[in-house]
Amino acid sequence: IAQQNQDTKLAEMVNNVNSNISKLEDQVTSVVAHLDDTSFIDGAKFNDAVEMVDELNNMHEKLEGFSKTGLVYGGYQTLFNETPHEYKELDAGLRRCEAVKKVWTTIKDWNANYETWMECPFVQPDGTIGLDVEEMDRQVQSIFKEVYSLHKKTDTRTTEILKDKVSDVKMMMPNIL
């Protein structure tokens, strides 16, 4: 009778863990689907990059939390002599989130740099150098390479807008220097 009770409890615990894994997968699907929202790919929020990066950071934190929960469930499954569940969608979602976050972080940095470059005088009123155009050129060249790489990987309207903006400044750099 004791063995039968133990087997019944074990089966109940295995079912609970499997049910929780299913719920976790649903949550992962919901967050990962949000990465395909038009706001991340159509470029309409290009000037709201800080907000977009914050949103992506929150999504990444959720996915990381799901990953930790999945490890706990895997530990339970191992304890119950079950094969641990593989969270393929979660792993793919984390990679996708990091890629989208990289794009929007680059946009955020570009917007901040561009604003500084456009508003900073070449020479300060006291005669000191204001805008270091050589540093600006180095940054533009570096961002240019990064943006072309990002655009090749993602090929979204957002990266196309960024690529065009960086290209425009890069073409102006000989005149600025």
N, C-alpha and C. Protein backbone atom coordinates (compact mmCIF):
# COMPACT_ATOMS: atom_id res chain seq x y z
N ILE A 1 0.85 -1.19 0.00
CA ILE A 1 0.00 0.00 0.00
C ILE A 1 0.89 1.25 0.00
N ALA A 2 1.98 1.22 0.76
CA ALA A 2 2.88 2.38 0.83
C ALA A 2 3.49 2.64 -0.54
N GLN A 3 3.89 1.58 -1.23
CA GLN A 3 4.48 1.73 -2.56
C GLN A 3 3.45 2.28 -3.54
N GLN A 4 2.23 1.81 -3.43
CA GLN A 4 1.16 2.27 -4.30
C GLN A 4 0.89 3.77 -4.07
N ASN A 5 0.91 4.19 -2.78
CA ASN A 5 0.73 5.60 -2.43
C ASN A 5 1.86 6.44 -3.03
N GLN A 6 3.07 5.93 -2.91
CA GLN A 6 4.24 6.64 -3.43
C GLN A 6 4.14 6.77 -4.95
N ASP A 7 3.75 5.70 -5.62
CA ASP A 7 3.61 5.73 -7.08
C ASP A 7 2.52 6.72 -7.51
N THR A 8 1.44 6.75 -6.76
CA THR A 8 0.34 7.68 -7.06
C THR A 8 0.79 9.12 -6.90
N LYS A 9 1.50 9.40 -5.80
CA LYS A 9 2.01 10.76 -5.56
C LYS A 9 3.03 11.16 -6.62
N LEU A 10 3.89 10.24 -7.00
CA LEU A 10 4.90 10.52 -8.01
C LEU A 10 4.23 10.86 -9.34
N ALA A 11 3.24 10.06 -9.73
CA ALA A 11 2.52 10.32 -10.98
C ALA A 11 1.83 11.68 -10.92
N GLU A 12 1.29 12.02 -9.77
CA GLU A 12 0.62 13.31 -9.58
C GLU A 12 1.63 14.46 -9.72
N MET A 13 2.80 14.30 -9.11
CA MET A 13 3.83 15.33 -9.19
C MET A 13 4.36 15.49 -10.63
N VAL A 14 4.54 14.38 -11.33
CA VAL A 14 4.99 14.41 -12.72
C VAL A 14 3.96 15.16 -13.57
N ASN A 15 2.68 14.86 -13.35
CA ASN A 15 1.62 15.55 -14.10
C ASN A 15 1.62 17.06 -13.81
N ASN A 16 1.83 17.42 -12.53
CA ASN A 16 1.88 18.84 -12.16
C ASN A 16 3.05 19.55 -12.86
N VAL A 17 4.21 18.91 -12.86
CA VAL A 17 5.37 19.51 -13.52
C VAL A 17 5.12 19.64 -15.02
N ASN A 18 4.57 18.61 -15.64
CA ASN A 18 4.27 18.66 -17.07
C ASN A 18 3.25 19.75 -17.40
N SER A 19 2.27 19.92 -16.52
CA SER A 19 1.28 20.98 -16.69
C SER A 19 1.95 22.36 -16.58
N ASN A 20 2.85 22.50 -15.61
CA ASN A 20 3.56 23.77 -15.45
C ASN A 20 4.47 24.06 -16.64
N ILE A 21 5.08 23.02 -17.19
CA ILE A 21 5.94 23.18 -18.38
C ILE A 21 5.10 23.67 -19.55
N SER A 22 3.91 23.12 -19.70
CA SER A 22 3.01 23.54 -20.78
C SER A 22 2.63 25.01 -20.62
N LYS A 23 2.32 25.42 -19.40
CA LYS A 23 1.99 26.83 -19.13
C LYS A 23 3.19 27.73 -19.41
N LEU A 24 4.37 27.27 -19.04
CA LEU A 24 5.60 28.03 -19.29
C LEU A 24 5.82 28.20 -20.79
N GLU A 25 5.62 27.14 -21.54
CA GLU A 25 5.77 27.21 -23.00
C GLU A 25 4.79 28.22 -23.60
N ASP A 26 3.55 28.26 -23.06
CA ASP A 26 2.57 29.24 -23.54
C ASP A 26 3.04 30.66 -23.27
N GLN A 27 3.62 30.89 -22.09
CA GLN A 27 4.12 32.22 -21.75
C GLN A 27 5.29 32.61 -22.66
N VAL A 28 6.16 31.66 -22.92
CA VAL A 28 7.30 31.90 -23.82
C VAL A 28 6.78 32.27 -25.21
N THR A 29 5.81 31.53 -25.72
CA THR A 29 5.23 31.78 -27.04
C THR A 29 4.67 33.20 -27.11
N SER A 30 4.00 33.62 -26.06
CA SER A 30 3.41 34.95 -26.01
C SER A 30 4.48 36.04 -26.09
N VAL A 31 5.55 35.90 -25.32
CA VAL A 31 6.60 36.91 -25.31
C VAL A 31 7.35 36.91 -26.64
N VAL A 32 7.68 35.75 -27.16
CA VAL A 32 8.42 35.65 -28.42
C VAL A 32 7.58 36.20 -29.57
N ALA A 33 6.28 35.97 -29.56
CA ALA A 33 5.41 36.50 -30.61
C ALA A 33 5.44 38.03 -30.62
N HIS A 34 5.61 38.62 -29.46
CA HIS A 34 5.65 40.08 -29.35
C HIS A 34 6.86 40.66 -30.10
N LEU A 35 7.91 39.86 -30.27
CA LEU A 35 9.10 40.32 -31.02
C LEU A 35 8.80 40.56 -32.49
N ASP A 36 7.70 39.99 -32.99
CA ASP A 36 7.31 40.17 -34.38
C ASP A 36 6.34 41.34 -34.58
N ASP A 37 6.07 42.08 -33.49
CA ASP A 37 5.20 43.26 -33.61
C ASP A 37 5.80 44.23 -34.62
N THR A 38 4.95 44.90 -35.34
CA THR A 38 5.42 45.85 -36.36
C THR A 38 6.25 46.97 -35.75
N SER A 39 6.01 47.30 -34.50
CA SER A 39 6.78 48.39 -33.88
C SER A 39 8.27 48.10 -33.84
N PHE A 40 8.65 46.83 -33.85
CA PHE A 40 10.06 46.47 -33.82
C PHE A 40 10.68 46.39 -35.21
N ILE A 41 9.86 46.27 -36.25
CA ILE A 41 10.43 46.01 -37.57
C ILE A 41 10.10 47.05 -38.64
N ASP A 42 9.10 47.91 -38.42
CA ASP A 42 8.71 48.84 -39.50
C ASP A 42 9.38 50.21 -39.42
N GLY A 43 10.10 50.48 -38.34
CA GLY A 43 10.84 51.73 -38.23
C GLY A 43 10.03 52.93 -37.77
N ALA A 44 8.74 52.75 -37.51
CA ALA A 44 7.89 53.87 -37.11
C ALA A 44 8.31 54.49 -35.78
N LYS A 45 8.93 53.69 -34.93
CA LYS A 45 9.34 54.18 -33.62
C LYS A 45 10.84 54.47 -33.57
N PHE A 46 11.42 54.78 -34.72
CA PHE A 46 12.86 55.01 -34.82
C PHE A 46 13.34 56.05 -33.81
N ASN A 47 12.57 57.10 -33.63
CA ASN A 47 12.98 58.17 -32.71
C ASN A 47 12.64 57.86 -31.25
N ASP A 48 11.97 56.74 -31.01
CA ASP A 48 11.64 56.31 -29.65
C ASP A 48 12.49 55.11 -29.24
N ALA A 49 13.73 55.11 -29.68
CA ALA A 49 14.60 53.94 -29.46
C ALA A 49 14.83 53.64 -27.99
N VAL A 50 14.90 54.67 -27.15
CA VAL A 50 15.11 54.44 -25.71
C VAL A 50 13.95 53.62 -25.15
N GLU A 51 12.74 54.01 -25.53
CA GLU A 51 11.54 53.28 -25.09
C GLU A 51 11.56 51.83 -25.61
N MET A 52 11.96 51.66 -26.86
CA MET A 52 11.99 50.33 -27.46
C MET A 52 13.03 49.44 -26.77
N VAL A 53 14.19 50.00 -26.45
CA VAL A 53 15.23 49.23 -25.75
C VAL A 53 14.75 48.84 -24.36
N ASP A 54 14.07 49.75 -23.68
CA ASP A 54 13.51 49.42 -22.36
C ASP A 54 12.52 48.26 -22.45
N GLU A 55 11.66 48.32 -23.46
CA GLU A 55 10.68 47.25 -23.65
C GLU A 55 11.38 45.93 -23.95
N LEU A 56 12.41 45.97 -24.78
CA LEU A 56 13.16 44.75 -25.11
C LEU A 56 13.92 44.21 -23.90
N ASN A 57 14.45 45.11 -23.06
CA ASN A 57 15.11 44.67 -21.84
C ASN A 57 14.13 43.94 -20.93
N ASN A 58 12.90 44.47 -20.83
CA ASN A 58 11.87 43.80 -20.02
C ASN A 58 11.53 42.43 -20.58
N MET A 59 11.42 42.35 -21.90
CA MET A 59 11.12 41.06 -22.53
C MET A 59 12.26 40.07 -22.30
N HIS A 60 13.49 40.55 -22.40
CA HIS A 60 14.65 39.69 -22.19
C HIS A 60 14.68 39.18 -20.74
N GLU A 61 14.36 40.06 -19.80
CA GLU A 61 14.32 39.64 -18.39
C GLU A 61 13.26 38.57 -18.17
N LYS A 62 12.09 38.73 -18.82
CA LYS A 62 11.04 37.71 -18.71
C LYS A 62 11.54 36.38 -19.24
N LEU A 63 12.18 36.41 -20.41
CA LEU A 63 12.67 35.17 -21.01
C LEU A 63 13.75 34.53 -20.14
N GLU A 64 14.61 35.35 -19.55
CA GLU A 64 15.64 34.82 -18.64
C GLU A 64 14.97 34.17 -17.42
N GLY A 65 13.92 34.81 -16.91
CA GLY A 65 13.17 34.23 -15.79
C GLY A 65 12.54 32.91 -16.17
N PHE A 66 11.99 32.85 -17.39
CA PHE A 66 11.41 31.59 -17.87
C PHE A 66 12.48 30.52 -17.96
N SER A 67 13.68 30.91 -18.37
CA SER A 67 14.78 29.96 -18.48
C SER A 67 15.14 29.38 -17.11
N LYS A 68 15.18 30.23 -16.11
CA LYS A 68 15.48 29.75 -14.74
C LYS A 68 14.38 28.83 -14.24
N THR A 69 13.14 29.19 -14.53
CA THR A 69 12.02 28.33 -14.12
C THR A 69 12.11 26.99 -14.83
N GLY A 70 12.48 27.02 -16.12
CA GLY A 70 12.65 25.78 -16.88
C GLY A 70 13.72 24.88 -16.29
N LEU A 71 14.80 25.49 -15.79
CA LEU A 71 15.85 24.70 -15.13
C LEU A 71 15.32 24.03 -13.86
N VAL A 72 14.50 24.73 -13.13
CA VAL A 72 13.90 24.15 -11.92
C VAL A 72 13.02 22.97 -12.30
N TYR A 73 12.18 23.16 -13.32
CA TYR A 73 11.32 22.07 -13.76
C TYR A 73 12.14 20.89 -14.27
N GLY A 74 13.25 21.18 -14.95
CA GLY A 74 14.14 20.11 -15.41
C GLY A 74 14.73 19.34 -14.24
N GLY A 75 15.05 20.07 -13.17
CA GLY A 75 15.55 19.41 -11.96
C GLY A 75 14.52 18.48 -11.36
N TYR A 76 13.27 18.93 -11.35
CA TYR A 76 12.18 18.07 -10.85
C TYR A 76 12.05 16.83 -11.72
N GLN A 77 12.11 17.03 -13.04
CA GLN A 77 11.97 15.89 -13.94
C GLN A 77 13.09 14.87 -13.74
N THR A 78 14.29 15.37 -13.55
CA THR A 78 15.42 14.48 -13.28
C THR A 78 15.19 13.72 -11.97
N LEU A 79 14.72 14.44 -10.98
CA LEU A 79 14.42 13.84 -9.68
C LEU A 79 13.37 12.74 -9.81
N PHE A 80 12.42 12.94 -10.71
CA PHE A 80 11.35 11.96 -10.91
C PHE A 80 11.69 10.92 -11.97
N ASN A 81 12.98 10.85 -12.35
CA ASN A 81 13.46 9.92 -13.37
C ASN A 81 12.78 10.13 -14.73
N GLU A 82 12.49 11.37 -15.04
CA GLU A 82 11.92 11.74 -16.33
C GLU A 82 13.01 12.43 -17.14
N THR A 83 12.88 12.43 -18.44
CA THR A 83 13.80 13.15 -19.31
C THR A 83 13.46 14.63 -19.25
N PRO A 84 14.43 15.49 -18.92
CA PRO A 84 14.14 16.93 -18.85
C PRO A 84 13.66 17.48 -20.19
N HIS A 85 12.69 18.34 -20.12
CA HIS A 85 12.10 18.98 -21.30
C HIS A 85 13.12 19.92 -21.94
N GLU A 86 13.16 19.94 -23.27
CA GLU A 86 14.03 20.87 -23.99
C GLU A 86 13.19 22.08 -24.40
N TYR A 87 13.66 23.25 -24.04
CA TYR A 87 12.94 24.49 -24.32
C TYR A 87 13.52 25.13 -25.59
N LYS A 88 13.24 24.53 -26.72
CA LYS A 88 13.80 25.01 -28.00
C LYS A 88 13.26 26.40 -28.35
N GLU A 89 11.96 26.62 -28.15
CA GLU A 89 11.38 27.92 -28.47
C GLU A 89 11.94 29.00 -27.55
N LEU A 90 12.17 28.65 -26.30
CA LEU A 90 12.74 29.60 -25.35
C LEU A 90 14.16 29.98 -25.77
N ASP A 91 14.97 28.99 -26.11
CA ASP A 91 16.34 29.27 -26.55
C ASP A 91 16.35 30.14 -27.81
N ALA A 92 15.49 29.79 -28.77
CA ALA A 92 15.40 30.57 -30.01
C ALA A 92 14.88 31.98 -29.70
N GLY A 93 13.93 32.08 -28.78
CA GLY A 93 13.38 33.38 -28.41
C GLY A 93 14.41 34.28 -27.75
N LEU A 94 15.25 33.70 -26.91
CA LEU A 94 16.32 34.48 -26.28
C LEU A 94 17.29 35.01 -27.33
N ARG A 95 17.65 34.17 -28.28
CA ARG A 95 18.56 34.60 -29.35
C ARG A 95 17.92 35.70 -30.19
N ARG A 96 16.66 35.52 -30.53
CA ARG A 96 15.95 36.52 -31.34
C ARG A 96 15.81 37.84 -30.58
N CYS A 97 15.50 37.76 -29.29
CA CYS A 97 15.36 38.96 -28.48
C CYS A 97 16.69 39.71 -28.41
N GLU A 98 17.78 38.99 -28.25
CA GLU A 98 19.09 39.62 -28.20
C GLU A 98 19.42 40.31 -29.53
N ALA A 99 19.04 39.68 -30.64
CA ALA A 99 19.31 40.26 -31.95
C ALA A 99 18.49 41.54 -32.16
N VAL A 100 17.21 41.51 -31.80
CA VAL A 100 16.35 42.69 -31.95
C VAL A 100 16.82 43.79 -31.00
N LYS A 101 17.23 43.39 -29.80
CA LYS A 101 17.73 44.37 -28.83
C LYS A 101 19.02 45.02 -29.34
N LYS A 102 19.86 44.25 -30.00
CA LYS A 102 21.10 44.79 -30.57
C LYS A 102 20.78 45.86 -31.61
N VAL A 103 19.80 45.60 -32.45
CA VAL A 103 19.39 46.58 -33.47
C VAL A 103 18.93 47.86 -32.80
N TRP A 104 18.04 47.73 -31.82
CA TRP A 104 17.46 48.92 -31.18
C TRP A 104 18.47 49.65 -30.29
N THR A 105 19.40 48.94 -29.71
CA THR A 105 20.46 49.59 -28.94
C THR A 105 21.36 50.39 -29.88
N THR A 106 21.64 49.85 -31.04
CA THR A 106 22.44 50.56 -32.04
C THR A 106 21.70 51.82 -32.50
N ILE A 107 20.40 51.71 -32.71
CA ILE A 107 19.59 52.87 -33.09
C ILE A 107 19.61 53.92 -31.98
N LYS A 108 19.45 53.47 -30.75
CA LYS A 108 19.47 54.40 -29.61
C LYS A 108 20.80 55.14 -29.54
N ASP A 109 21.90 54.40 -29.68
CA ASP A 109 23.23 55.02 -29.65
C ASP A 109 23.42 55.97 -30.83
N TRP A 110 22.96 55.56 -32.02
CA TRP A 110 23.07 56.42 -33.19
C TRP A 110 22.31 57.72 -32.96
N ASN A 111 21.07 57.61 -32.49
CA ASN A 111 20.26 58.81 -32.26
C ASN A 111 20.93 59.76 -31.28
N ALA A 112 21.51 59.21 -30.21
CA ALA A 112 22.18 60.06 -29.21
C ALA A 112 23.41 60.74 -29.82
N ASN A 113 24.22 59.97 -30.54
CA ASN A 113 25.40 60.55 -31.19
C ASN A 113 25.01 61.60 -32.22
N TYR A 114 24.03 61.29 -33.05
CA TYR A 114 23.61 62.19 -34.10
C TYR A 114 23.13 63.53 -33.51
N GLU A 115 22.35 63.44 -32.45
CA GLU A 115 21.86 64.66 -31.80
C GLU A 115 23.02 65.50 -31.28
N THR A 116 24.00 64.85 -30.66
CA THR A 116 25.18 65.56 -30.16
C THR A 116 25.94 66.21 -31.31
N TRP A 117 26.16 65.47 -32.39
CA TRP A 117 26.91 65.99 -33.53
C TRP A 117 26.21 67.18 -34.18
N MET A 118 24.89 67.12 -34.25
CA MET A 118 24.15 68.19 -34.92
C MET A 118 24.02 69.45 -34.05
N GLU A 119 24.10 69.30 -32.74
CA GLU A 119 23.90 70.44 -31.84
C GLU A 119 25.19 71.03 -31.29
N CYS A 120 26.27 70.29 -31.35
CA CYS A 120 27.53 70.75 -30.77
C CYS A 120 28.27 71.65 -31.77
N PRO A 121 28.69 72.83 -31.34
CA PRO A 121 29.44 73.70 -32.25
C PRO A 121 30.85 73.14 -32.47
N PHE A 122 31.41 73.45 -33.66
CA PHE A 122 32.77 73.01 -33.95
C PHE A 122 33.77 73.67 -33.00
N VAL A 123 33.50 74.94 -32.68
CA VAL A 123 34.37 75.68 -31.76
C VAL A 123 33.48 76.30 -30.69
N GLN A 124 33.86 76.10 -29.43
CA GLN A 124 33.11 76.67 -28.30
C GLN A 124 33.30 78.19 -28.27
N PRO A 125 32.40 78.90 -27.62
CA PRO A 125 32.54 80.37 -27.53
C PRO A 125 33.87 80.83 -26.93
N ASP A 126 34.46 80.00 -26.07
CA ASP A 126 35.74 80.38 -25.46
C ASP A 126 36.94 80.02 -26.34
N GLY A 127 36.67 79.52 -27.57
CA GLY A 127 37.75 79.22 -28.50
C GLY A 127 38.24 77.78 -28.47
N THR A 128 37.79 76.98 -27.49
CA THR A 128 38.22 75.59 -27.43
C THR A 128 37.44 74.76 -28.45
N ILE A 129 37.99 73.62 -28.79
CA ILE A 129 37.35 72.74 -29.76
C ILE A 129 36.10 72.14 -29.13
N GLY A 130 35.00 72.22 -29.87
CA GLY A 130 33.74 71.67 -29.39
C GLY A 130 33.53 70.25 -29.88
N LEU A 131 33.34 70.12 -31.15
CA LEU A 131 33.07 68.82 -31.76
C LEU A 131 34.37 68.25 -32.31
N ASP A 132 34.74 67.09 -31.84
CA ASP A 132 35.93 66.41 -32.33
C ASP A 132 35.53 65.63 -33.59
N VAL A 133 35.73 66.24 -34.74
CA VAL A 133 35.26 65.66 -36.00
C VAL A 133 36.00 64.38 -36.36
N GLU A 134 37.24 64.24 -35.92
CA GLU A 134 37.97 63.01 -36.21
C GLU A 134 37.38 61.84 -35.42
N GLU A 135 37.00 62.11 -34.17
CA GLU A 135 36.33 61.08 -33.37
C GLU A 135 34.97 60.77 -33.97
N MET A 136 34.28 61.80 -34.42
CA MET A 136 32.99 61.61 -35.07
C MET A 136 33.15 60.70 -36.29
N ASP A 137 34.19 60.95 -37.10
CA ASP A 137 34.44 60.13 -38.28
C ASP A 137 34.71 58.67 -37.90
N ARG A 138 35.49 58.46 -36.86
CA ARG A 138 35.77 57.09 -36.41
C ARG A 138 34.48 56.40 -35.98
N GLN A 139 33.64 57.12 -35.24
CA GLN A 139 32.37 56.54 -34.78
C GLN A 139 31.45 56.22 -35.96
N VAL A 140 31.37 57.13 -36.92
CA VAL A 140 30.52 56.91 -38.10
C VAL A 140 31.01 55.69 -38.87
N GLN A 141 32.32 55.57 -39.06
CA GLN A 141 32.88 54.42 -39.79
C GLN A 141 32.56 53.11 -39.05
N SER A 142 32.72 53.12 -37.74
CA SER A 142 32.45 51.93 -36.94
C SER A 142 30.97 51.55 -36.98
N ILE A 143 30.11 52.53 -36.80
CA ILE A 143 28.67 52.27 -36.83
C ILE A 143 28.25 51.81 -38.23
N PHE A 144 28.85 52.40 -39.25
CA PHE A 144 28.54 52.03 -40.63
C PHE A 144 28.74 50.53 -40.84
N LYS A 145 29.87 50.01 -40.41
CA LYS A 145 30.16 48.58 -40.56
C LYS A 145 29.16 47.73 -39.78
N GLU A 146 28.90 48.15 -38.55
CA GLU A 146 27.97 47.40 -37.69
C GLU A 146 26.56 47.38 -38.28
N VAL A 147 26.13 48.53 -38.78
CA VAL A 147 24.78 48.64 -39.33
C VAL A 147 24.62 47.79 -40.58
N TYR A 148 25.60 47.79 -41.45
CA TYR A 148 25.50 46.95 -42.65
C TYR A 148 25.43 45.47 -42.28
N SER A 149 26.18 45.08 -41.28
CA SER A 149 26.14 43.70 -40.81
C SER A 149 24.75 43.38 -40.23
N LEU A 150 24.23 44.28 -39.42
CA LEU A 150 22.89 44.07 -38.83
C LEU A 150 21.83 43.99 -39.92
N HIS A 151 21.94 44.86 -40.91
CA HIS A 151 20.93 44.87 -41.97
C HIS A 151 20.98 43.57 -42.79
N LYS A 152 22.17 43.05 -43.02
CA LYS A 152 22.28 41.78 -43.75
C LYS A 152 21.61 40.65 -42.97
N LYS A 153 21.78 40.68 -41.64
CA LYS A 153 21.24 39.61 -40.80
C LYS A 153 19.72 39.71 -40.65
N THR A 154 19.20 40.93 -40.48
CA THR A 154 17.78 41.07 -40.15
C THR A 154 16.92 41.53 -41.32
N ASP A 155 17.45 42.39 -42.17
CA ASP A 155 16.75 42.91 -43.34
C ASP A 155 15.33 43.37 -43.01
N THR A 156 15.22 44.31 -42.08
CA THR A 156 13.93 44.90 -41.73
C THR A 156 13.90 46.35 -42.16
N ARG A 157 12.73 46.92 -42.18
CA ARG A 157 12.59 48.34 -42.52
C ARG A 157 13.36 49.20 -41.51
N THR A 158 13.38 48.78 -40.26
CA THR A 158 14.09 49.51 -39.22
C THR A 158 15.58 49.59 -39.52
N THR A 159 16.19 48.47 -39.86
CA THR A 159 17.63 48.49 -40.15
C THR A 159 17.91 49.22 -41.46
N GLU A 160 16.96 49.19 -42.38
CA GLU A 160 17.13 49.93 -43.64
C GLU A 160 17.16 51.44 -43.37
N ILE A 161 16.28 51.91 -42.50
CA ILE A 161 16.26 53.33 -42.14
C ILE A 161 17.58 53.72 -41.48
N LEU A 162 18.03 52.89 -40.54
CA LEU A 162 19.29 53.17 -39.86
C LEU A 162 20.45 53.19 -40.86
N LYS A 163 20.49 52.21 -41.73
CA LYS A 163 21.55 52.13 -42.75
C LYS A 163 21.56 53.39 -43.61
N ASP A 164 20.39 53.85 -44.02
CA ASP A 164 20.30 55.05 -44.85
C ASP A 164 20.78 56.29 -44.09
N LYS A 165 20.40 56.42 -42.84
CA LYS A 165 20.81 57.58 -42.04
C LYS A 165 22.33 57.60 -41.83
N VAL A 166 22.89 56.44 -41.51
CA VAL A 166 24.33 56.36 -41.30
C VAL A 166 25.06 56.64 -42.62
N SER A 167 24.56 56.10 -43.71
CA SER A 167 25.17 56.33 -45.02
C SER A 167 25.18 57.81 -45.38
N ASP A 168 24.07 58.49 -45.08
CA ASP A 168 24.00 59.93 -45.38
C ASP A 168 25.08 60.71 -44.62
N VAL A 169 25.27 60.39 -43.35
CA VAL A 169 26.29 61.09 -42.57
C VAL A 169 27.68 60.69 -43.05
N LYS A 170 27.85 59.42 -43.39
CA LYS A 170 29.16 58.97 -43.87
C LYS A 170 29.55 59.72 -45.15
N MET A 171 28.56 59.95 -46.00
CA MET A 171 28.85 60.67 -47.25
C MET A 171 29.20 62.14 -47.00
N MET A 172 28.71 62.70 -45.90
CA MET A 172 29.01 64.10 -45.56
C MET A 172 30.36 64.27 -44.87
N MET A 173 30.89 63.19 -44.33
CA MET A 173 32.10 63.28 -43.52
C MET A 173 33.29 63.94 -44.24
N PRO A 174 33.56 63.66 -45.53
CA PRO A 174 34.69 64.36 -46.18
C PRO A 174 34.53 65.89 -46.14
N ASN A 175 33.29 66.35 -46.26
CA ASN A 175 33.05 67.80 -46.21
C ASN A 175 33.24 68.36 -44.80
N ILE A 176 32.91 67.57 -43.80
CA ILE A 176 33.03 68.01 -42.41
C ILE A 176 34.49 68.03 -41.99
N LEU A 177 35.26 67.02 -42.44
CA LEU A 177 36.66 66.93 -42.09
C LEU A 177 37.42 68.02 -42.80
